[in-house]
Amino acid sequence: MRHVRYLAFLEADSALVEWHTELLSLCNFLYRKRFSMTDFMLVLHIAAAVLFIGPIMVATSAFPAQIFEAKSGNATAQGGASVLYRVTKVYGFLSALVPLLGLVLFLSDMDTYGSQGKFHASILLAIIARVILLVVILPRQRTALGALGMLPESEASPDEDKVGNWHS
């Protein structure tokens, strides 16, 4: 009954009420099923992977085409390249949640995960991918945007923002 009174309070926004109802249904379902903390961490890990890693993959793969179009003066491509850089940057940092949750999950059930090499390899690949994103991809995207004068003045450094070869 408490939920009904709370939902009546939120009637002004029917979409919010619908979302809250679905969330309460999910919480009741999870409570009845008696999920363990490991199950909960696994759900969080998978959800974070879908929500954060997918957009990074799309943004990093679409950026080169947009920056080449932007180089030719296309204003739409300039905006697109700028948005793709921001998506890569923000989601790149948020995606740190995926390997962290994976590591917590790994350490929480060492009997299951500790003896399987695929989980060790997965953690290693996540670390390698993160280093490539932070050390190679983001600096190159930033340099390309800076060379075209598309960075905000607070981020721009004209001495460093020079691209020698646009095809590498």
C-alpha atoms as a PDB file:
ATOM      1  CA  MET A   1       0.000   0.000   0.000  1.00  0.00           C
ATOM      2  CA  ARG A   2       2.898   2.365   0.652  1.00  0.00           C
ATOM      3  CA  HIS A   3       3.828   2.108  -3.021  1.00  0.00           C
ATOM      4  CA  VAL A   4       0.325   3.126  -4.126  1.00  0.00           C
ATOM      5  CA  ARG A   5       0.398   6.317  -2.057  1.00  0.00           C
ATOM      6  CA  TYR A   6       3.886   7.117  -3.345  1.00  0.00           C
ATOM      7  CA  LEU A   7       2.825   6.569  -6.962  1.00  0.00           C
ATOM      8  CA  ALA A   8      -0.250   8.763  -6.471  1.00  0.00           C
ATOM      9  CA  PHE A   9       2.125  11.540  -5.477  1.00  0.00           C
ATOM     10  CA  LEU A  10       3.969  11.137  -8.795  1.00  0.00           C
ATOM     11  CA  GLU A  11       0.879  11.181 -11.030  1.00  0.00           C
ATOM     12  CA  ALA A  12       1.958  14.422 -12.716  1.00  0.00           C
ATOM     13  CA  ASP A  13       4.407  12.520 -14.880  1.00  0.00           C
ATOM     14  CA  SER A  14       2.878   9.285 -16.185  1.00  0.00           C
ATOM     15  CA  ALA A  15       6.161   8.104 -17.708  1.00  0.00           C
ATOM     16  CA  LEU A  16       7.874   8.401 -14.341  1.00  0.00           C
ATOM     17  CA  VAL A  17       5.021   6.523 -12.701  1.00  0.00           C
ATOM     18  CA  GLU A  18       5.294   3.756 -15.284  1.00  0.00           C
ATOM     19  CA  TRP A  19       9.063   3.565 -14.792  1.00  0.00           C
ATOM     20  CA  HIS A  20       8.673   3.460 -11.010  1.00  0.00           C
ATOM     21  CA  THR A  21       6.072   0.706 -11.278  1.00  0.00           C
ATOM     22  CA  GLU A  22       8.415  -1.374 -13.423  1.00  0.00           C
ATOM     23  CA  LEU A  23      11.290  -0.750 -11.022  1.00  0.00           C
ATOM     24  CA  LEU A  24       9.174  -1.816  -8.046  1.00  0.00           C
ATOM     25  CA  SER A  25       8.108  -4.958  -9.929  1.00  0.00           C
ATOM     26  CA  LEU A  26      11.739  -5.782 -10.652  1.00  0.00           C
ATOM     27  CA  CYS A  27      12.719  -5.218  -7.015  1.00  0.00           C
ATOM     28  CA  ASN A  28       9.882  -7.480  -5.834  1.00  0.00           C
ATOM     29  CA  PHE A  29      10.918 -10.152  -8.352  1.00  0.00           C
ATOM     30  CA  LEU A  30      14.549  -9.994  -7.232  1.00  0.00           C
ATOM     31  CA  TYR A  31      13.518 -10.149  -3.587  1.00  0.00           C
ATOM     32  CA  ARG A  32      11.330 -13.217  -4.135  1.00  0.00           C
ATOM     33  CA  LYS A  33      14.081 -15.006  -6.064  1.00  0.00           C
ATOM     34  CA  ARG A  34      16.582 -14.415  -3.241  1.00  0.00           C
ATOM     35  CA  PHE A  35      19.482 -13.444  -5.463  1.00  0.00           C
ATOM     36  CA  SER A  36      22.863 -13.558  -3.836  1.00  0.00           C
ATOM     37  CA  MET A  37      25.310 -10.666  -3.820  1.00  0.00           C
ATOM     38  CA  THR A  38      27.314 -12.483  -6.494  1.00  0.00           C
ATOM     39  CA  ASP A  39      24.249 -12.585  -8.752  1.00  0.00           C
ATOM     40  CA  PHE A  40      23.670  -8.887  -8.141  1.00  0.00           C
ATOM     41  CA  MET A  41      27.293  -8.039  -8.953  1.00  0.00           C
ATOM     42  CA  LEU A  42      27.080 -10.120 -12.127  1.00  0.00           C
ATOM     43  CA  VAL A  43      23.971  -8.221 -13.250  1.00  0.00           C
ATOM     44  CA  LEU A  44      25.696  -4.882 -12.531  1.00  0.00           C
ATOM     45  CA  HIS A  45      28.834  -6.009 -14.375  1.00  0.00           C
ATOM     46  CA  ILE A  46      26.888  -7.043 -17.482  1.00  0.00           C
ATOM     47  CA  ALA A  47      24.703  -3.926 -17.446  1.00  0.00           C
ATOM     48  CA  ALA A  48      27.752  -1.667 -17.115  1.00  0.00           C
ATOM     49  CA  ALA A  49      29.458  -3.475 -19.993  1.00  0.00           C
ATOM     50  CA  VAL A  50      26.453  -3.031 -22.270  1.00  0.00           C
ATOM     51  CA  LEU A  51      25.833   0.593 -21.288  1.00  0.00           C
ATOM     52  CA  PHE A  52      29.429   1.849 -21.342  1.00  0.00           C
ATOM     53  CA  ILE A  53      31.558  -0.274 -23.653  1.00  0.00           C
ATOM     54  CA  GLY A  54      29.128  -0.344 -26.592  1.00  0.00           C
ATOM     55  CA  PRO A  55      29.030   3.454 -27.023  1.00  0.00           C
ATOM     56  CA  ILE A  56      32.837   3.618 -26.802  1.00  0.00           C
ATOM     57  CA  MET A  57      33.174   1.077 -29.596  1.00  0.00           C
ATOM     58  CA  VAL A  58      30.763   2.994 -31.819  1.00  0.00           C
ATOM     59  CA  ALA A  59      32.297   6.402 -31.047  1.00  0.00           C
ATOM     60  CA  THR A  60      35.902   5.331 -31.587  1.00  0.00           C
ATOM     61  CA  SER A  61      35.109   3.564 -34.849  1.00  0.00           C
ATOM     62  CA  ALA A  62      33.031   6.462 -36.221  1.00  0.00           C
ATOM     63  CA  PHE A  63      35.504   9.196 -35.217  1.00  0.00           C
ATOM     64  CA  PRO A  64      38.038   8.800 -38.093  1.00  0.00           C
ATOM     65  CA  ALA A  65      35.389   9.251 -40.796  1.00  0.00           C
ATOM     66  CA  GLN A  66      33.953  12.296 -39.031  1.00  0.00           C
ATOM     67  CA  ILE A  67      37.333  13.961 -38.496  1.00  0.00           C
ATOM     68  CA  PHE A  68      38.273  13.544 -42.163  1.00  0.00           C
ATOM     69  CA  GLU A  69      34.968  15.140 -43.185  1.00  0.00           C
ATOM     70  CA  ALA A  70      35.527  17.879 -40.601  1.00  0.00           C
ATOM     71  CA  LYS A  71      38.983  18.534 -42.053  1.00  0.00           C
ATOM     72  CA  SER A  72      37.348  19.419 -45.361  1.00  0.00           C
ATOM     73  CA  GLY A  73      35.227  22.055 -43.608  1.00  0.00           C
ATOM     74  CA  ASN A  74      31.942  20.179 -43.180  1.00  0.00           C
ATOM     75  CA  ALA A  75      30.248  21.834 -40.181  1.00  0.00           C
ATOM     76  CA  THR A  76      28.040  18.820 -39.480  1.00  0.00           C
ATOM     77  CA  ALA A  77      31.074  16.534 -39.390  1.00  0.00           C
ATOM     78  CA  GLN A  78      32.862  18.981 -37.088  1.00  0.00           C
ATOM     79  CA  GLY A  79      29.991  18.755 -34.624  1.00  0.00           C
ATOM     80  CA  GLY A  80      29.869  14.986 -35.023  1.00  0.00           C
ATOM     81  CA  ALA A  81      33.592  14.587 -34.402  1.00  0.00           C
ATOM     82  CA  SER A  82      33.366  16.781 -31.329  1.00  0.00           C
ATOM     83  CA  VAL A  83      30.455  14.774 -29.920  1.00  0.00           C
ATOM     84  CA  LEU A  84      32.206  11.474 -30.654  1.00  0.00           C
ATOM     85  CA  TYR A  85      35.307  12.694 -28.801  1.00  0.00           C
ATOM     86  CA  ARG A  86      33.209  13.672 -25.777  1.00  0.00           C
ATOM     87  CA  VAL A  87      31.398  10.319 -25.843  1.00  0.00           C
ATOM     88  CA  THR A  88      34.713   8.465 -25.998  1.00  0.00           C
ATOM     89  CA  LYS A  89      36.149  10.582 -23.193  1.00  0.00           C
ATOM     90  CA  VAL A  90      33.183  10.426 -20.795  1.00  0.00           C
ATOM     91  CA  TYR A  91      32.187   6.830 -21.430  1.00  0.00           C
ATOM     92  CA  GLY A  92      35.861   5.845 -21.401  1.00  0.00           C
ATOM     93  CA  PHE A  93      36.149   6.960 -17.819  1.00  0.00           C
ATOM     94  CA  LEU A  94      32.758   5.542 -16.840  1.00  0.00           C
ATOM     95  CA  SER A  95      33.704   2.219 -18.385  1.00  0.00           C
ATOM     96  CA  ALA A  96      36.277   1.743 -15.619  1.00  0.00           C
ATOM     97  CA  LEU A  97      33.303   0.456 -13.684  1.00  0.00           C
ATOM     98  CA  VAL A  98      33.189  -2.693 -15.861  1.00  0.00           C
ATOM     99  CA  PRO A  99      36.598  -4.163 -14.944  1.00  0.00           C
ATOM    100  CA  LEU A 100      36.209  -2.978 -11.341  1.00  0.00           C
ATOM    101  CA  LEU A 101      32.903  -4.824 -10.990  1.00  0.00           C
ATOM    102  CA  GLY A 102      34.446  -7.792 -12.777  1.00  0.00           C
ATOM    103  CA  LEU A 103      37.357  -7.815 -10.338  1.00  0.00           C
ATOM    104  CA  VAL A 104      35.004  -7.584  -7.344  1.00  0.00           C
ATOM    105  CA  LEU A 105      32.969 -10.445  -8.796  1.00  0.00           C
ATOM    106  CA  PHE A 106      36.146 -12.427  -9.442  1.00  0.00           C
ATOM    107  CA  LEU A 107      37.426 -11.922  -5.887  1.00  0.00           C
ATOM    108  CA  SER A 108      34.036 -12.625  -4.309  1.00  0.00           C
ATOM    109  CA  ASP A 109      33.925 -16.201  -5.577  1.00  0.00           C
ATOM    110  CA  MET A 110      37.503 -17.383  -6.024  1.00  0.00           C
ATOM    111  CA  ASP A 111      36.474 -21.038  -5.939  1.00  0.00           C
ATOM    112  CA  THR A 112      34.472 -20.624  -9.138  1.00  0.00           C
ATOM    113  CA  TYR A 113      36.412 -17.949 -11.017  1.00  0.00           C
ATOM    114  CA  GLY A 114      39.957 -18.430  -9.709  1.00  0.00           C
ATOM    115  CA  SER A 115      40.572 -21.752 -11.408  1.00  0.00           C
ATOM    116  CA  GLN A 116      39.328 -20.747 -14.872  1.00  0.00           C
ATOM    117  CA  GLY A 117      41.873 -19.100 -17.139  1.00  0.00           C
ATOM    118  CA  LYS A 118      39.241 -17.336 -19.237  1.00  0.00           C
ATOM    119  CA  PHE A 119      38.528 -14.967 -16.364  1.00  0.00           C
ATOM    120  CA  HIS A 120      42.222 -14.185 -15.902  1.00  0.00           C
ATOM    121  CA  ALA A 121      42.497 -13.506 -19.650  1.00  0.00           C
ATOM    122  CA  SER A 122      39.393 -11.313 -19.535  1.00  0.00           C
ATOM    123  CA  ILE A 123      40.853  -9.124 -16.786  1.00  0.00           C
ATOM    124  CA  LEU A 124      44.145  -8.833 -18.677  1.00  0.00           C
ATOM    125  CA  LEU A 125      42.372  -7.878 -21.922  1.00  0.00           C
ATOM    126  CA  ALA A 126      40.279  -5.277 -20.087  1.00  0.00           C
ATOM    127  CA  ILE A 127      43.445  -3.689 -18.693  1.00  0.00           C
ATOM    128  CA  ILE A 128      45.109  -3.674 -22.130  1.00  0.00           C
ATOM    129  CA  ALA A 129      42.022  -2.131 -23.751  1.00  0.00           C
ATOM    130  CA  ARG A 130      41.848   0.556 -21.067  1.00  0.00           C
ATOM    131  CA  VAL A 131      45.508   1.482 -21.551  1.00  0.00           C
ATOM    132  CA  ILE A 132      45.047   1.695 -25.337  1.00  0.00           C
ATOM    133  CA  LEU A 133      41.989   3.916 -24.876  1.00  0.00           C
ATOM    134  CA  LEU A 134      43.631   6.276 -22.401  1.00  0.00           C
ATOM    135  CA  VAL A 135      47.147   6.383 -23.881  1.00  0.00           C
ATOM    136  CA  VAL A 136      46.553   6.092 -27.629  1.00  0.00           C
ATOM    137  CA  ILE A 137      42.979   6.779 -28.741  1.00  0.00           C
ATOM    138  CA  LEU A 138      41.937   9.713 -26.553  1.00  0.00           C
ATOM    139  CA  PRO A 139      45.180  11.698 -27.052  1.00  0.00           C
ATOM    140  CA  ARG A 140      45.001  11.198 -30.841  1.00  0.00           C
ATOM    141  CA  GLN A 141      41.379  12.285 -30.975  1.00  0.00           C
ATOM    142  CA  ARG A 142      42.198  15.337 -28.860  1.00  0.00           C
ATOM    143  CA  THR A 143      45.167  16.226 -31.080  1.00  0.00           C
ATOM    144  CA  ALA A 144      43.080  15.904 -34.254  1.00  0.00           C
ATOM    145  CA  LEU A 145      40.348  18.147 -32.855  1.00  0.00           C
ATOM    146  CA  GLY A 146      42.940  20.645 -31.621  1.00  0.00           C
ATOM    147  CA  ALA A 147      44.664  20.735 -35.019  1.00  0.00           C
ATOM    148  CA  LEU A 148      41.355  21.752 -36.567  1.00  0.00           C
ATOM    149  CA  GLY A 149      40.693  24.322 -33.834  1.00  0.00           C
ATOM    150  CA  MET A 150      37.644  22.476 -32.557  1.00  0.00           C
ATOM    151  CA  LEU A 151      38.618  22.216 -28.891  1.00  0.00           C
ATOM    152  CA  PRO A 152      37.432  24.661 -26.233  1.00  0.00           C
ATOM    153  CA  GLU A 153      40.121  27.177 -25.328  1.00  0.00           C
ATOM    154  CA  SER A 154      40.528  25.572 -21.901  1.00  0.00           C
ATOM    155  CA  GLU A 155      41.625  22.288 -23.524  1.00  0.00           C
ATOM    156  CA  ALA A 156      43.486  23.668 -26.540  1.00  0.00           C
ATOM    157  CA  SER A 157      47.262  23.824 -26.673  1.00  0.00           C
ATOM    158  CA  PRO A 158      48.313  25.080 -30.130  1.00  0.00           C
ATOM    159  CA  ASP A 159      51.931  23.985 -29.705  1.00  0.00           C
ATOM    160  CA  GLU A 160      50.960  20.344 -29.202  1.00  0.00           C
ATOM    161  CA  ASP A 161      47.919  20.163 -31.486  1.00  0.00           C
ATOM    162  CA  LYS A 162      49.647  19.419 -34.764  1.00  0.00           C
ATOM    163  CA  VAL A 163      48.955  16.404 -36.935  1.00  0.00           C
ATOM    164  CA  GLY A 164      51.866  15.408 -39.145  1.00  0.00           C
ATOM    165  CA  ASN A 165      50.170  12.598 -41.049  1.00  0.00           C
ATOM    166  CA  TRP A 166      46.375  12.517 -41.187  1.00  0.00           C
ATOM    167  CA  HIS A 167      46.372   8.937 -42.475  1.00  0.00           C
ATOM    168  CA  SER A 168      48.064   7.251 -39.515  1.00  0.00           C
END
